[in-house]
Amino acid sequence: MIKRLLPLFAFLALAVLLAAGVMRNSGKDTSAIPSPLIGKPAPAFSLPVLGDPSRMVGNADLLGQPYLLNVWGSWCPACRDEHPVITELAASGAVRVIGYDYKDTEEDAQRWLEQFGNPYDLVIADEPGLAALDWGIYGAPETFLVDAGGVVRWKFIGPITPEVVQQQLLPELEKLK
């Protein structure tokens, strides 16, 4: 009799554990994964400019004014969703926006920018995705705010929305003034 009920008891125990985990995490912001880079210098990199692979850009080239590093790819549906927000932000002049084309071919990236517009001050390309490892990038979209001295001040995982800009990014930019 007990052997017949054992699977039922195991299932009930797992269901209770799952419910407890869901209840513990309900209401938490799952996009707020802390980055070990916050407050530290941006990782060193040297990547080609999209469309001009002979021109290399490194983090030292971006020093002097804050910038938003927006990680995107033509293969990324959520990047399409956030693109109008990034375009509006870039047009506002609130911060210099640098595109980081992640794990994409040059042809696909150029076609995507032609179709949706290029709001970026500059687009760097990381087709193999190797430099992304130092940044802790594991997908797109991801966005970093780097101050004029090259220190990472903010990271957001997922598509940037107008609410994220107003409630998180703009206050972080204010702190840099």
Protein backbone atom coordinates (compact mmCIF):
# COMPACT_ATOMS: atom_id res chain seq x y z
CA MET A 1 0.00 0.00 0.00
CA ILE A 2 2.76 2.46 0.96
CA LYS A 3 4.70 1.62 -2.21
CA ARG A 4 1.66 2.57 -4.28
CA LEU A 5 1.32 5.96 -2.51
CA LEU A 6 5.04 6.83 -2.66
CA PRO A 7 4.83 8.54 -6.10
CA LEU A 8 1.87 10.60 -4.87
CA PHE A 9 3.81 11.71 -1.77
CA ALA A 10 6.85 12.59 -3.90
CA PHE A 11 4.68 14.64 -6.25
CA LEU A 12 3.01 16.48 -3.37
CA ALA A 13 6.40 17.26 -1.78
CA LEU A 14 7.68 18.71 -5.07
CA ALA A 15 4.48 20.73 -5.53
CA VAL A 16 4.86 22.23 -2.05
CA LEU A 17 8.52 23.14 -2.74
CA LEU A 18 7.60 24.75 -6.07
CA ALA A 19 4.77 26.75 -4.50
CA ALA A 20 7.07 27.94 -1.70
CA GLY A 21 9.68 29.09 -4.24
CA VAL A 22 7.12 30.94 -6.34
CA MET A 23 5.68 32.68 -3.28
CA ARG A 24 9.15 33.71 -2.05
CA ASN A 25 9.99 35.32 -5.37
CA SER A 26 6.63 36.85 -6.29
CA GLY A 27 6.75 40.60 -6.76
CA LYS A 28 10.52 40.73 -7.26
CA ASP A 29 12.00 42.44 -10.30
CA THR A 30 13.59 39.59 -12.25
CA SER A 31 15.37 42.03 -14.60
CA ALA A 32 17.32 43.48 -11.67
CA ILE A 33 20.15 41.00 -11.74
CA PRO A 34 23.06 42.73 -10.01
CA SER A 35 26.16 43.13 -12.11
CA PRO A 36 29.61 42.73 -10.58
CA LEU A 37 30.74 45.51 -12.97
CA ILE A 38 28.76 48.28 -11.23
CA GLY A 39 31.23 50.77 -9.78
CA LYS A 40 34.18 49.20 -11.60
CA PRO A 41 36.01 50.18 -14.79
CA ALA A 42 34.40 48.93 -17.98
CA PRO A 43 36.18 45.87 -19.34
CA ALA A 44 38.91 46.56 -21.87
CA PHE A 45 37.91 45.79 -25.43
CA SER A 46 38.95 46.50 -28.99
CA LEU A 47 36.22 45.85 -31.55
CA PRO A 48 35.70 46.80 -35.18
CA VAL A 49 33.22 49.45 -36.21
CA LEU A 50 30.26 47.97 -38.06
CA GLY A 51 30.75 48.67 -41.75
CA ASP A 52 34.44 49.61 -41.30
CA PRO A 53 36.25 46.55 -39.93
CA SER A 54 39.63 48.23 -40.37
CA ARG A 55 38.67 50.83 -37.73
CA MET A 56 38.99 49.45 -34.21
CA VAL A 57 37.40 51.11 -31.18
CA GLY A 58 38.33 50.42 -27.58
CA ASN A 59 36.99 51.58 -24.25
CA ALA A 60 39.75 54.21 -24.04
CA ASP A 61 38.31 55.81 -27.21
CA LEU A 62 34.97 56.33 -25.46
CA LEU A 63 36.29 58.17 -22.40
CA GLY A 64 35.44 61.82 -21.78
CA GLN A 65 31.65 61.74 -21.69
CA PRO A 66 29.09 59.25 -20.42
CA TYR A 67 27.71 56.72 -22.85
CA LEU A 68 25.00 54.12 -23.01
CA LEU A 69 26.20 50.82 -24.44
CA ASN A 70 23.17 49.11 -25.99
CA VAL A 71 23.68 45.43 -26.81
CA TRP A 72 21.49 44.31 -29.71
CA GLY A 73 21.33 41.91 -32.64
CA SER A 74 19.25 41.62 -35.79
CA TRP A 75 18.17 38.17 -34.58
CA CYS A 76 16.71 39.59 -31.34
CA PRO A 77 12.91 40.20 -31.29
CA ALA A 78 13.06 42.19 -28.04
CA CYS A 79 15.66 44.50 -29.61
CA ARG A 80 13.07 45.44 -32.20
CA ASP A 81 10.64 46.28 -29.39
CA GLU A 82 13.10 48.57 -27.61
CA HIS A 83 14.51 50.23 -30.74
CA PRO A 84 12.02 53.14 -30.84
CA VAL A 85 12.87 53.95 -27.21
CA ILE A 86 16.61 53.86 -27.94
CA THR A 87 16.02 56.03 -31.02
CA GLU A 88 14.09 58.60 -28.97
CA LEU A 89 16.72 58.58 -26.23
CA ALA A 90 19.53 59.11 -28.74
CA ALA A 91 17.60 61.94 -30.44
CA SER A 92 17.05 63.65 -27.08
CA GLY A 93 20.80 64.13 -26.64
CA ALA A 94 20.54 63.06 -22.98
CA VAL A 95 23.41 60.61 -23.47
CA ARG A 96 25.65 59.35 -26.24
CA VAL A 97 24.35 55.94 -27.38
CA ILE A 98 26.82 53.33 -28.61
CA GLY A 99 25.47 50.23 -30.33
CA TYR A 100 27.05 46.86 -29.54
CA ASP A 101 26.09 44.43 -32.32
CA TYR A 102 26.26 41.03 -30.64
CA LYS A 103 26.72 37.69 -32.41
CA ASP A 104 25.48 39.01 -35.73
CA THR A 105 26.73 39.08 -39.30
CA GLU A 106 27.63 42.46 -40.73
CA GLU A 107 25.13 42.01 -43.56
CA ASP A 108 22.22 41.21 -41.23
CA ALA A 109 23.11 44.06 -38.87
CA GLN A 110 23.38 46.61 -41.71
CA ARG A 111 20.07 45.46 -43.19
CA TRP A 112 18.39 45.73 -39.75
CA LEU A 113 19.70 49.28 -39.23
CA GLU A 114 18.58 50.28 -42.72
CA GLN A 115 15.09 48.92 -42.01
CA PHE A 116 14.62 50.33 -38.49
CA GLY A 117 17.01 53.29 -38.48
CA ASN A 118 20.41 53.83 -36.92
CA PRO A 119 20.17 55.91 -33.74
CA TYR A 120 23.69 55.06 -32.62
CA ASP A 121 26.61 57.45 -32.42
CA LEU A 122 28.78 54.47 -33.27
CA VAL A 123 28.17 50.73 -33.68
CA ILE A 124 30.83 48.24 -32.65
CA ALA A 125 30.56 44.63 -33.81
CA ASP A 126 31.29 41.50 -31.80
CA GLU A 127 30.34 38.75 -34.23
CA PRO A 128 31.95 35.91 -32.25
CA GLY A 129 30.70 37.33 -28.95
CA LEU A 130 34.05 36.97 -27.18
CA ALA A 131 34.40 40.51 -25.80
CA ALA A 132 30.88 40.17 -24.41
CA LEU A 133 32.11 37.58 -21.93
CA ASP A 134 34.11 40.22 -20.02
CA TRP A 135 31.02 42.43 -19.83
CA GLY A 136 28.91 39.57 -18.49
CA ILE A 137 26.66 39.78 -21.54
CA TYR A 138 24.73 36.60 -22.16
CA GLY A 139 22.00 37.83 -24.46
CA ALA A 140 20.35 40.81 -26.02
CA PRO A 141 19.11 43.32 -25.27
CA GLU A 142 21.30 44.44 -22.42
CA THR A 143 22.26 48.03 -21.69
CA PHE A 144 25.07 49.60 -19.67
CA LEU A 145 25.60 53.19 -18.55
CA VAL A 146 29.30 54.06 -18.41
CA ASP A 147 30.47 57.37 -16.94
CA ALA A 148 32.98 59.78 -18.50
CA GLY A 149 35.82 58.09 -16.61
CA GLY A 150 34.94 54.65 -17.96
CA VAL A 151 33.23 53.26 -14.84
CA VAL A 152 30.08 51.16 -15.27
CA ARG A 153 27.27 52.85 -13.31
CA TRP A 154 24.14 50.94 -14.36
CA LYS A 155 23.08 47.78 -16.17
CA PHE A 156 19.68 46.71 -17.41
CA ILE A 157 18.79 43.30 -18.82
CA GLY A 158 15.89 43.20 -21.26
CA PRO A 159 14.24 45.76 -23.50
CA ILE A 160 14.46 49.39 -22.42
CA THR A 161 10.98 50.91 -22.07
CA PRO A 162 9.94 54.54 -21.54
CA GLU A 163 9.33 53.65 -17.88
CA VAL A 164 12.86 52.28 -17.49
CA VAL A 165 14.24 55.47 -19.02
CA GLN A 166 12.21 57.71 -16.70
CA GLN A 167 12.45 55.70 -13.49
CA GLN A 168 15.97 54.27 -13.73
CA LEU A 169 18.21 55.64 -16.49
CA LEU A 170 17.52 59.38 -16.21
CA PRO A 171 18.07 59.37 -12.41
CA GLU A 172 21.38 57.55 -12.98
CA LEU A 173 22.36 60.17 -15.60
CA GLU A 174 21.49 62.94 -13.11
CA LYS A 175 23.95 61.45 -10.64
CA LEU A 176 26.70 61.84 -13.24
CA LYS A 177 26.24 65.62 -13.54
